[in-house]
């Protein structure tokens, strides 16, 4: 076996196009190429692109995607958003009448052009003439041949399912119950032996659960597929409705943000074209405080980042304005928004954790980007696992990158018990050449050298969710992976690679050495 060592390197990449959980592919439209010569007006095209594209999000360089993807997928959507419709299919083709009304009210696609056709042709030509002909591959794609011996692997099957569609894994340590959400609206509780203890049925997929209240609360997304309809609901475990009409909510937390002795509720409404980040004073539905009114809120952590005694919010925003956002708690229910790290709208931010990698007392950021289920479903050489180090003043610089197509989540734990933080990561991508790389374990060998390995059983699923927990109560961190296979076609592709079994979960029991 060839040993792969990944050096802690200083490489800054710019980051991306969407990060939508559970997206269905968007049908391409046929674009009529403007008659303008592709070699003309490059500079003015560049200036227009930087002016208009950067007005909505960080400027995406043409080099990030190939010509075909720009031409057939991304630029048509850009044209719609600039009010340009000539030569394009309607953006409303796949929507029902109620959703069309919602999108029109939000003015996502203006009725009147914001720019002229001549200006649009220059922008189009700039991207096509400066983009690579084919997607750029990862220059140093790790061929992970090593098989980790850190874990014993066990497949877990819950009832008989045609396709595994796991949307959530959460561990209730106080009761030793593992909660599993399914896209069909099912919620399972497994005991410490991973046997079914209880089952609930909800109207839509459970995506988060909170155990801080006396009656656990379950967040249901409403629609797994992208939609403007507000069908998400926060239930209590006994199926009572606490909040409704949420825009595809994906995450929640409880904390006493205003120090009044009551737990406040914070919800990430990912949405689609529109969304929201809001907190509810004392968890009261009528005491809503909106922090952000745009889509893409995907994950949050609550910490006192500036150590002033107030709890702040650190939020991962996907969709167009991708980045890690800092909502500084100023007291008296006031928050100040700033951006810690931002990226262009094609990187596909998917997850982050705040961890102190170098033990200097300041929280660093472990980040993954690899959400690839939107307009640009091609391999991207900037997908992977990243570490951003805190300089002590809450300014962050990227110091480590491990390339991995479709990276959906990474967790930093001391899995081997040697005193430093290792990384476990999953990839949610259709790479049938290396399906075992759906799980990667990066063992920290000190001085920020990581030894990469995987497990053969990772080929038996597409891993959308992951949780670190001590399932056997022996003091170390075990891992549970959750598989989400979107279609029969995906399953057939894996079968053709020799995969025979498709468990909902993989249990990786740590045998700390």
Protein backbone atom coordinates (compact mmCIF):
# COMPACT_ATOMS: atom_id res chain seq x y z
CA UNK A 1 0.00 0.00 0.00
CA UNK A 2 1.29 3.40 -0.94
CA UNK A 3 1.29 5.88 1.93
CA UNK A 4 -0.14 9.27 1.17
CA UNK A 5 1.04 12.25 3.18
CA UNK A 6 -0.78 15.51 2.77
CA UNK A 7 1.25 18.56 3.78
CA UNK A 8 -0.29 21.49 5.61
CA UNK A 9 0.07 23.91 2.71
CA UNK A 10 -0.53 27.61 2.08
CA UNK A 11 -2.85 27.62 -0.92
CA UNK A 12 -5.77 30.02 -1.22
CA UNK A 13 -8.60 28.97 -3.47
CA UNK A 14 -11.70 31.00 -4.20
CA UNK A 15 -15.04 29.24 -3.37
CA UNK A 16 -18.51 28.76 -5.18
CA UNK A 17 -21.87 28.23 -6.98
CA UNK A 18 -24.34 26.67 -4.63
CA UNK A 19 -24.70 24.59 -1.56
CA UNK A 20 -28.21 23.29 -1.57
CA UNK A 21 -29.06 20.27 0.52
CA UNK A 22 -30.91 17.51 -1.36
CA UNK A 23 -31.10 19.39 -4.69
CA UNK A 24 -32.51 17.79 -7.78
CA UNK A 25 -30.64 18.46 -11.02
CA UNK A 26 -31.80 21.45 -13.04
CA UNK A 27 -32.57 20.79 -16.70
CA UNK A 28 -30.16 22.55 -19.06
CA UNK A 29 -31.45 25.12 -21.50
CA UNK A 30 -30.23 25.63 -25.04
CA UNK A 31 -28.41 28.92 -25.45
CA UNK A 32 -28.19 30.75 -28.75
CA UNK A 33 -24.65 31.99 -29.13
CA UNK A 34 -24.56 35.75 -29.78
CA UNK A 35 -23.29 36.77 -33.17
CA UNK A 36 -20.59 39.00 -31.69
CA UNK A 37 -17.10 37.70 -32.41
CA UNK A 38 -15.82 35.82 -29.36
CA UNK A 39 -12.45 37.56 -29.57
CA UNK A 40 -13.83 41.09 -29.46
CA UNK A 41 -14.42 43.33 -26.47
CA UNK A 42 -12.74 41.07 -23.92
CA UNK A 43 -11.81 43.95 -21.67
CA UNK A 44 -15.21 45.60 -21.76
CA UNK A 45 -16.82 42.20 -21.29
CA UNK A 46 -14.64 41.65 -18.24
CA UNK A 47 -15.54 45.05 -16.85
CA UNK A 48 -19.25 44.43 -17.34
CA UNK A 49 -19.02 40.98 -15.79
CA UNK A 50 -17.23 42.34 -12.75
CA UNK A 51 -19.74 45.16 -12.46
CA UNK A 52 -22.97 43.19 -12.78
CA UNK A 53 -21.98 39.75 -11.49
CA UNK A 54 -20.21 41.17 -8.47
CA UNK A 55 -23.27 43.24 -7.61
CA UNK A 56 -24.98 40.04 -6.39
CA UNK A 57 -22.07 37.91 -5.19
CA UNK A 58 -18.30 37.57 -5.22
CA UNK A 59 -17.05 37.70 -8.81
CA UNK A 60 -16.67 34.20 -10.32
CA UNK A 61 -13.67 33.86 -12.62
CA UNK A 62 -14.33 32.20 -16.00
CA UNK A 63 -11.59 29.70 -15.14
CA UNK A 64 -13.74 28.10 -12.44
CA UNK A 65 -15.95 26.24 -14.94
CA UNK A 66 -15.62 24.86 -18.46
CA UNK A 67 -17.10 26.49 -21.56
CA UNK A 68 -19.99 24.03 -21.94
CA UNK A 69 -21.11 24.46 -18.35
CA UNK A 70 -21.00 28.24 -18.61
CA UNK A 71 -22.83 28.20 -21.95
CA UNK A 72 -25.60 25.69 -21.24
CA UNK A 73 -26.11 25.89 -17.48
CA UNK A 74 -24.82 28.97 -15.68
CA UNK A 75 -25.04 31.81 -18.20
CA UNK A 76 -28.72 31.16 -19.05
CA UNK A 77 -29.54 31.51 -15.35
CA UNK A 78 -27.44 34.65 -15.16
CA UNK A 79 -29.29 36.06 -18.17
CA UNK A 80 -32.68 35.43 -16.56
CA UNK A 81 -31.56 37.27 -13.44
CA UNK A 82 -30.53 40.26 -15.55
CA UNK A 83 -33.89 40.32 -17.33
CA UNK A 84 -32.52 38.88 -20.57
CA UNK A 85 -34.87 36.31 -22.08
CA UNK A 86 -34.21 36.28 -25.84
CA UNK A 87 -32.97 32.87 -26.95
CA UNK A 88 -33.61 31.17 -23.60
CA UNK A 89 -36.21 28.79 -22.29
CA UNK A 90 -38.43 30.25 -19.58
CA UNK A 91 -37.16 29.91 -15.99
CA UNK A 92 -40.75 29.10 -14.99
CA UNK A 93 -41.10 25.98 -17.16
CA UNK A 94 -40.75 23.45 -14.33
CA UNK A 95 -42.80 25.37 -11.74
CA UNK A 96 -46.48 25.05 -10.93
CA UNK A 97 -48.65 28.16 -10.93
CA UNK A 98 -48.41 28.77 -7.18
CA UNK A 99 -44.62 28.70 -7.24
CA UNK A 100 -44.48 30.93 -10.31
CA UNK A 101 -46.45 33.53 -8.34
CA UNK A 102 -44.03 33.33 -5.41
CA UNK A 103 -40.96 33.69 -7.63
CA UNK A 104 -42.48 36.63 -9.48
CA UNK A 105 -43.36 38.38 -6.23
CA UNK A 106 -39.73 37.99 -5.14
CA UNK A 107 -38.65 39.51 -8.50
CA UNK A 108 -35.98 36.86 -8.99
CA UNK A 109 -36.22 37.19 -12.78
CA UNK A 110 -36.96 40.83 -13.70
CA UNK A 111 -39.54 41.48 -16.41
CA UNK A 112 -37.46 44.32 -17.85
CA UNK A 113 -33.79 43.99 -18.83
CA UNK A 114 -31.25 45.43 -16.42
CA UNK A 115 -28.64 45.59 -19.19
CA UNK A 116 -28.77 45.78 -22.98
CA UNK A 117 -28.43 42.79 -25.29
CA UNK A 118 -25.12 44.24 -26.50
CA UNK A 119 -23.79 44.37 -22.96
CA UNK A 120 -25.02 40.85 -22.28
CA UNK A 121 -23.29 39.55 -25.43
CA UNK A 122 -20.03 41.03 -24.18
CA UNK A 123 -20.42 39.33 -20.80
CA UNK A 124 -21.28 36.05 -22.52
CA UNK A 125 -18.29 36.28 -24.85
CA UNK A 126 -15.97 37.13 -21.98
CA UNK A 127 -16.88 33.97 -20.08
CA UNK A 128 -16.85 31.64 -23.10
CA UNK A 129 -13.56 32.91 -24.50
CA UNK A 130 -11.76 32.81 -21.14
CA UNK A 131 -13.11 29.53 -19.76
CA UNK A 132 -11.24 26.23 -20.22
CA UNK A 133 -12.68 23.83 -22.80
CA UNK A 134 -12.95 21.00 -20.29
CA UNK A 135 -13.32 20.99 -16.48
CA UNK A 136 -10.04 21.38 -14.65
CA UNK A 137 -9.13 18.21 -12.78
CA UNK A 138 -7.50 18.08 -9.38
CA UNK A 139 -3.80 18.37 -10.11
CA UNK A 140 -2.81 16.23 -7.15
CA UNK A 141 -5.89 14.06 -6.69
CA UNK A 142 -5.00 11.69 -3.87
CA UNK A 143 -5.27 8.06 -4.88
CA UNK A 144 -6.20 6.81 -1.46
CA UNK A 145 -4.98 3.24 -1.45
CA UNK A 146 -4.48 2.87 2.27
CA UNK A 147 -7.25 1.21 4.29
CA UNK A 148 -7.61 2.56 7.80
CA UNK A 149 -7.43 0.16 10.73
CA UNK A 150 -8.76 2.79 13.13
CA UNK A 151 -12.34 1.55 12.90
CA UNK A 152 -14.35 -1.66 12.75
CA UNK A 153 -17.06 -1.23 10.12
CA UNK A 154 -20.62 -2.53 10.46
CA UNK A 155 -23.51 -1.92 8.01
CA UNK A 156 -26.85 -1.03 9.60
CA UNK A 157 -30.17 -1.75 7.89
CA UNK A 158 -33.36 -0.15 9.25
CA UNK A 159 -36.45 -1.92 8.01
CA UNK A 160 -36.67 -2.87 4.33
CA UNK A 161 -36.00 0.07 2.04
CA UNK A 162 -35.68 0.12 -1.74
CA UNK A 163 -33.28 3.05 -1.54
CA UNK A 164 -31.51 4.50 1.50
CA UNK A 165 -32.46 8.17 1.89
CA UNK A 166 -30.95 9.29 5.19
CA UNK A 167 -31.38 13.01 5.84
CA UNK A 168 -30.27 13.30 9.48
CA UNK A 169 -28.18 11.58 12.15
CA UNK A 170 -28.25 12.97 15.69
CA UNK A 171 -27.20 11.31 18.96
CA UNK A 172 -28.99 11.94 22.26
CA UNK A 173 -26.17 11.13 24.68
CA UNK A 174 -28.33 11.55 27.78
CA UNK A 175 -30.59 8.68 26.70
CA UNK A 176 -28.13 6.79 24.46
CA UNK A 177 -30.50 7.03 21.50
CA UNK A 178 -29.45 7.59 17.90
CA UNK A 179 -32.05 9.47 15.83
CA UNK A 180 -32.19 8.87 12.08
CA UNK A 181 -34.22 11.00 9.66
CA UNK A 182 -35.40 9.71 6.29
CA UNK A 183 -36.54 11.59 3.18
CA UNK A 184 -39.85 9.73 3.33
CA UNK A 185 -40.71 11.54 6.59
CA UNK A 186 -39.71 8.72 8.91
CA UNK A 187 -37.81 9.31 12.14
CA UNK A 188 -36.18 6.36 13.88
CA UNK A 189 -34.67 6.09 17.35
CA UNK A 190 -32.05 3.35 17.69
CA UNK A 191 -30.77 2.12 21.04
CA UNK A 192 -27.11 1.62 21.99
CA UNK A 193 -27.15 -1.74 20.19
CA UNK A 194 -28.46 0.10 17.12
CA UNK A 195 -31.76 -1.76 17.27
CA UNK A 196 -35.01 0.04 16.51
CA UNK A 197 -36.45 1.53 19.70
CA UNK A 198 -39.16 3.78 18.28
CA UNK A 199 -40.47 5.18 15.01
CA UNK A 200 -42.40 8.34 14.12
CA UNK A 201 -43.92 9.52 10.84
CA UNK A 202 -43.78 13.21 9.89
CA UNK A 203 -45.13 14.99 6.80
CA UNK A 204 -41.65 15.57 5.38
CA UNK A 205 -38.01 14.70 5.92
CA UNK A 206 -36.56 15.34 9.42
CA UNK A 207 -33.31 17.28 9.02
CA UNK A 208 -32.52 18.30 12.61
CA UNK A 209 -33.57 17.48 16.16
CA UNK A 210 -32.91 19.29 19.42
CA UNK A 211 -32.83 17.73 22.88
CA UNK A 212 -32.44 20.90 24.99
CA UNK A 213 -36.16 21.30 25.64
CA UNK A 214 -38.23 18.95 27.80
CA UNK A 215 -39.96 17.58 24.70
CA UNK A 216 -37.45 17.07 21.85
CA UNK A 217 -38.17 19.14 18.76
CA UNK A 218 -37.93 17.89 15.18
CA UNK A 219 -37.25 20.19 12.23
CA UNK A 220 -38.80 18.99 8.95
CA UNK A 221 -37.66 20.51 5.66
CA UNK A 222 -41.02 20.52 3.89
CA UNK A 223 -39.62 19.80 0.43
CA UNK A 224 -36.37 18.01 -0.28
CA UNK A 225 -36.49 19.38 -3.83
CA UNK A 226 -35.87 23.12 -4.25
CA UNK A 227 -39.02 25.22 -4.00
CA UNK A 228 -40.22 28.65 -2.96
CA UNK A 229 -43.12 27.12 -1.05
CA UNK A 230 -42.84 27.49 2.71
CA UNK A 231 -43.75 23.98 3.82
CA UNK A 232 -41.17 23.42 6.57
CA UNK A 233 -42.41 22.77 10.10
CA UNK A 234 -40.88 22.56 13.57
CA UNK A 235 -42.63 19.79 15.50
CA UNK A 236 -42.31 18.50 19.00
CA UNK A 237 -41.66 14.78 19.16
CA UNK A 238 -45.33 14.17 19.95
CA UNK A 239 -46.15 15.81 16.57
CA UNK A 240 -47.42 19.12 17.97
CA UNK A 241 -46.61 22.04 15.68
CA UNK A 242 -44.38 24.73 17.18
CA UNK A 243 -43.53 26.73 14.02
CA UNK A 244 -44.83 26.37 10.48
CA UNK A 245 -44.50 27.98 7.04
CA UNK A 246 -40.71 27.77 7.13
CA UNK A 247 -38.68 28.06 3.90
CA UNK A 248 -36.92 24.69 3.65
CA UNK A 249 -35.34 24.87 7.13
CA UNK A 250 -32.22 22.73 7.55
CA UNK A 251 -30.72 23.53 10.98
CA UNK A 252 -31.61 24.95 14.39
CA UNK A 253 -29.99 25.68 17.73
CA UNK A 254 -31.10 26.88 21.16
CA UNK A 255 -29.15 29.39 23.27
CA UNK A 256 -29.86 32.32 25.59
CA UNK A 257 -28.77 35.08 23.24
CA UNK A 258 -30.08 38.02 25.28
CA UNK A 259 -29.17 36.67 28.74
CA UNK A 260 -32.74 36.80 30.05
CA UNK A 261 -32.66 33.27 31.42
CA UNK A 262 -34.73 31.83 28.56
CA UNK A 263 -33.53 29.70 25.67
CA UNK A 264 -33.91 31.43 22.31
CA UNK A 265 -34.44 29.47 19.10
CA UNK A 266 -32.35 30.10 15.97
CA UNK A 267 -33.42 28.57 12.65
CA UNK A 268 -31.61 28.39 9.30
CA UNK A 269 -34.23 28.59 6.54
CA UNK A 270 -32.19 27.55 3.52
CA UNK A 271 -35.03 28.20 1.08
CA UNK A 272 -34.35 28.31 -2.63
CA UNK A 273 -34.48 31.74 -4.27
CA UNK A 274 -35.49 33.27 -0.96
CA UNK A 275 -34.72 32.20 2.59
CA UNK A 276 -34.04 33.53 6.05
CA UNK A 277 -31.94 33.38 9.20
CA UNK A 278 -33.95 34.31 12.28
CA UNK A 279 -34.07 33.88 16.04
CA UNK A 280 -37.10 33.67 18.28
CA UNK A 281 -36.92 35.31 21.69
CA UNK A 282 -37.62 32.67 24.32
CA UNK A 283 -38.58 30.28 21.51
CA UNK A 284 -41.81 32.24 21.06
CA UNK A 285 -43.12 32.17 17.48
CA UNK A 286 -44.45 35.73 17.72
CA UNK A 287 -41.09 37.15 18.86
CA UNK A 288 -39.19 36.69 15.62
CA UNK A 289 -35.97 38.63 15.02
CA UNK A 290 -34.74 38.38 11.42
CA UNK A 291 -30.98 38.54 10.97
CA UNK A 292 -30.76 37.85 7.25
CA UNK A 293 -33.32 37.73 4.42
CA UNK A 294 -31.69 35.67 1.72
CA UNK A 295 -31.34 31.96 0.95
CA UNK A 296 -28.53 29.62 1.87
CA UNK A 297 -28.31 29.53 5.69
CA UNK A 298 -27.10 25.99 6.21
CA UNK A 299 -25.31 25.55 9.54
CA UNK A 300 -24.61 27.68 12.61
CA UNK A 301 -22.54 27.57 15.77
CA UNK A 302 -23.09 29.70 18.86
CA UNK A 303 -19.95 30.90 20.66
CA UNK A 304 -18.60 34.02 22.32
CA UNK A 305 -16.12 34.62 19.52
CA UNK A 306 -14.82 38.00 20.70
CA UNK A 307 -14.94 37.00 24.38
CA UNK A 308 -17.05 39.96 25.48
CA UNK A 309 -19.53 37.86 27.44
CA UNK A 310 -22.24 37.78 24.75
CA UNK A 311 -23.05 34.74 22.62
CA UNK A 312 -22.38 35.35 18.92
CA UNK A 313 -23.62 33.45 15.86
CA UNK A 314 -21.28 31.96 13.26
CA UNK A 315 -23.25 30.90 10.18
CA UNK A 316 -22.41 29.11 6.95
CA UNK A 317 -24.23 30.71 4.02
CA UNK A 318 -24.45 28.81 0.76
CA UNK A 319 -26.25 29.80 -2.45
CA UNK A 320 -25.01 32.94 -4.20
CA UNK A 321 -23.26 34.84 -1.40
CA UNK A 322 -21.27 31.94 -0.02
CA UNK A 323 -19.23 32.40 3.10
CA UNK A 324 -18.85 32.15 6.85
CA UNK A 325 -20.75 35.01 8.46
CA UNK A 326 -20.22 36.49 11.92
CA UNK A 327 -23.17 37.98 13.78
CA UNK A 328 -21.60 39.80 16.71
CA UNK A 329 -23.96 40.07 19.66
CA UNK A 330 -23.96 43.72 20.74
CA UNK A 331 -26.48 43.17 23.52
CA UNK A 332 -30.05 44.45 23.77
CA UNK A 333 -31.13 42.12 20.93
CA UNK A 334 -28.79 43.82 18.46
CA UNK A 335 -26.37 41.99 16.15
CA UNK A 336 -23.68 43.28 13.81
CA UNK A 337 -23.11 41.28 10.61
CA UNK A 338 -19.68 40.78 9.04
CA UNK A 339 -18.04 38.21 6.79
CA UNK A 340 -15.17 36.08 8.09
CA UNK A 341 -14.55 34.25 4.80
CA UNK A 342 -16.34 34.61 1.46
CA UNK A 343 -16.31 32.79 -1.86
CA UNK A 344 -17.68 33.01 -5.41
CA UNK A 345 -20.99 31.22 -6.02
CA UNK A 346 -19.65 27.98 -7.48
CA UNK A 347 -17.67 26.45 -4.62
CA UNK A 348 -20.63 24.73 -2.98
CA UNK A 349 -20.01 25.36 0.72
CA UNK A 350 -21.43 22.42 2.64
CA UNK A 351 -20.28 22.35 6.29
CA UNK A 352 -18.02 23.92 8.90
CA UNK A 353 -16.86 23.44 12.47
CA UNK A 354 -15.15 25.79 14.89
CA UNK A 355 -12.17 23.99 16.42
CA UNK A 356 -8.83 25.01 17.93
CA UNK A 357 -6.36 23.13 15.75
CA UNK A 358 -3.16 24.62 17.16
CA UNK A 359 -4.30 24.89 20.80
CA UNK A 360 -3.64 28.62 21.03
CA UNK A 361 -6.99 29.37 22.64
CA UNK A 362 -8.53 30.77 19.44
CA UNK A 363 -11.13 28.96 17.37
CA UNK A 364 -10.14 28.03 13.83
CA UNK A 365 -12.47 26.97 11.01
CA UNK A 366 -12.71 23.51 9.46
CA UNK A 367 -14.66 23.94 6.22
CA UNK A 368 -15.88 21.68 3.42
CA UNK A 369 -17.03 22.69 -0.04
CA UNK A 370 -18.37 20.17 -2.52
CA UNK A 371 -22.13 20.60 -2.86
CA UNK A 372 -22.51 19.85 -6.56
CA UNK A 373 -26.25 19.45 -7.10
CA UNK A 374 -27.17 22.59 -8.98
CA UNK A 375 -26.28 24.30 -12.23
CA UNK A 376 -22.70 23.08 -12.63
CA UNK A 377 -22.58 19.34 -12.01
CA UNK A 378 -19.02 18.83 -13.19
CA UNK A 379 -15.91 17.83 -11.30
CA UNK A 380 -14.35 20.84 -9.64
CA UNK A 381 -10.69 20.96 -8.70
CA UNK A 382 -11.47 23.31 -5.82
CA UNK A 383 -13.73 20.87 -3.95
CA UNK A 384 -12.30 19.60 -0.70
CA UNK A 385 -11.47 20.04 2.97
CA UNK A 386 -9.99 23.31 4.21
CA UNK A 387 -8.59 24.69 7.44
CA UNK A 388 -8.61 28.43 8.11
CA UNK A 389 -6.43 29.49 11.04
CA UNK A 390 -7.37 32.30 13.41
CA UNK A 391 -4.60 34.87 13.89
CA UNK A 392 -5.90 35.70 17.35
CA UNK A 393 -7.95 38.67 16.16
CA UNK A 394 -10.67 36.59 14.48
CA UNK A 395 -9.09 37.05 11.07
CA UNK A 396 -8.83 33.78 9.16
CA UNK A 397 -6.41 32.56 6.51
CA UNK A 398 -6.49 29.26 4.65
CA UNK A 399 -3.54 27.08 5.58
CA UNK A 400 -4.61 23.59 4.52
CA UNK A 401 -6.45 22.07 1.57
CA UNK A 402 -7.18 18.42 0.83
CA UNK A 403 -8.87 17.93 -2.57
CA UNK A 404 -11.95 15.70 -2.58
CA UNK A 405 -14.73 15.88 -5.14
CA UNK A 406 -18.16 16.47 -3.62
CA UNK A 407 -17.06 16.93 -0.01
CA UNK A 408 -20.19 17.28 2.11
CA UNK A 409 -18.97 17.24 5.71
CA UNK A 410 -15.86 16.97 7.88
CA UNK A 411 -15.48 16.47 11.62
CA UNK A 412 -12.36 17.16 13.68
CA UNK A 413 -11.82 14.81 16.63
CA UNK A 414 -8.87 13.12 18.30
CA UNK A 415 -9.90 9.75 16.92
CA UNK A 416 -6.62 7.97 17.67
CA UNK A 417 -6.14 9.49 21.13
CA UNK A 418 -2.69 10.95 20.52
CA UNK A 419 -3.58 14.49 21.57
CA UNK A 420 -4.12 16.20 18.22
CA UNK A 421 -7.14 16.58 15.96
CA UNK A 422 -7.74 14.14 13.13
CA UNK A 423 -10.37 14.65 10.42
CA UNK A 424 -13.15 12.37 9.19
CA UNK A 425 -14.84 13.48 5.96
CA UNK A 426 -17.54 12.29 3.60
CA UNK A 427 -18.17 12.96 -0.07
CA UNK A 428 -21.60 13.05 -1.72
CA UNK A 429 -20.72 12.67 -5.38
CA UNK A 430 -21.28 10.34 -8.33
CA UNK A 431 -17.62 9.36 -8.70
CA UNK A 432 -18.06 5.71 -9.63
CA UNK A 433 -14.34 5.36 -10.35
CA UNK A 434 -13.53 5.72 -6.66
CA UNK A 435 -16.76 5.18 -4.67
CA UNK A 436 -14.75 4.11 -1.61
CA UNK A 437 -13.53 7.70 -1.35
CA UNK A 438 -17.00 8.59 -0.12
CA UNK A 439 -15.34 8.40 3.31
CA UNK A 440 -11.83 9.65 4.03
CA UNK A 441 -9.94 9.55 7.33
CA UNK A 442 -7.09 12.04 7.75
CA UNK A 443 -4.86 11.00 10.63
CA UNK A 444 -2.90 13.91 12.06
CA UNK A 445 0.73 12.85 12.38
CA UNK A 446 1.84 16.13 13.95
CA UNK A 447 3.17 19.33 12.44
CA UNK A 448 0.07 19.32 10.23
CA UNK A 449 0.96 16.26 8.18
CA UNK A 450 -2.09 14.11 7.53
CA UNK A 451 -2.11 10.47 6.49
CA UNK A 452 -5.14 9.75 4.27
CA UNK A 453 -6.98 6.44 4.27
CA UNK A 454 -10.45 5.08 3.61
CA UNK A 455 -12.61 1.98 4.07
CA UNK A 456 -13.78 -0.39 1.29
CA UNK A 457 -17.33 -0.40 2.71
CA UNK A 458 -17.63 3.30 1.85
CA UNK A 459 -18.38 2.15 -1.71
CA UNK A 460 -21.74 0.78 -0.46
CA UNK A 461 -23.50 4.13 -0.34
CA UNK A 462 -23.52 7.85 -1.03
CA UNK A 463 -22.83 9.53 2.28
CA UNK A 464 -24.79 12.71 2.89
CA UNK A 465 -24.77 12.74 6.69
CA UNK A 466 -22.27 11.88 9.42
CA UNK A 467 -22.19 12.03 13.21
CA UNK A 468 -19.35 11.50 15.70
CA UNK A 469 -20.47 9.90 18.97
CA UNK A 470 -19.38 7.43 21.62
CA UNK A 471 -21.85 4.67 20.79
CA UNK A 472 -20.19 2.00 22.95
CA UNK A 473 -19.44 4.34 25.88
CA UNK A 474 -15.72 3.51 25.94
CA UNK A 475 -14.47 7.10 25.94
CA UNK A 476 -13.48 7.53 22.29
CA UNK A 477 -15.24 8.90 19.20
CA UNK A 478 -17.06 6.49 16.91
CA UNK A 479 -18.67 7.52 13.61
CA UNK A 480 -22.01 6.84 11.93
CA UNK A 481 -22.46 7.57 8.22
CA UNK A 482 -25.87 8.01 6.57
CA UNK A 483 -26.47 7.11 2.92
CA UNK A 484 -28.74 9.00 0.52
CA UNK A 485 -29.09 7.38 -2.91
CA UNK A 486 -31.15 9.70 -5.06
CA UNK A 487 -32.36 7.32 -7.74
CA UNK A 488 -32.43 3.76 -9.03
CA UNK A 489 -30.00 4.88 -11.75
CA UNK A 490 -27.43 5.79 -9.09
CA UNK A 491 -27.92 2.42 -7.44
CA UNK A 492 -27.47 0.61 -10.76
CA UNK A 493 -24.23 2.49 -11.30
CA UNK A 494 -22.93 1.21 -7.97
CA UNK A 495 -24.17 -2.31 -8.71
CA UNK A 496 -22.18 -2.22 -11.95
CA UNK A 497 -19.10 -1.44 -9.84
CA UNK A 498 -19.69 -4.61 -7.81
CA UNK A 499 -21.63 -3.15 -4.87
CA UNK A 500 -24.21 -5.65 -3.60
CA UNK A 501 -25.56 -4.16 -0.36
CA UNK A 502 -26.94 -0.70 0.35
CA UNK A 503 -27.28 -0.07 4.09
CA UNK A 504 -28.83 3.10 5.42
CA UNK A 505 -25.97 3.51 7.87
CA UNK A 506 -22.36 2.52 8.39
CA UNK A 507 -21.14 2.28 11.97
CA UNK A 508 -17.41 2.88 12.38
CA UNK A 509 -16.51 1.69 15.87
CA UNK A 510 -13.25 3.23 17.04
CA UNK A 511 -10.58 0.81 18.23
CA UNK A 512 -8.29 3.57 19.47
CA UNK A 513 -4.65 2.52 19.32
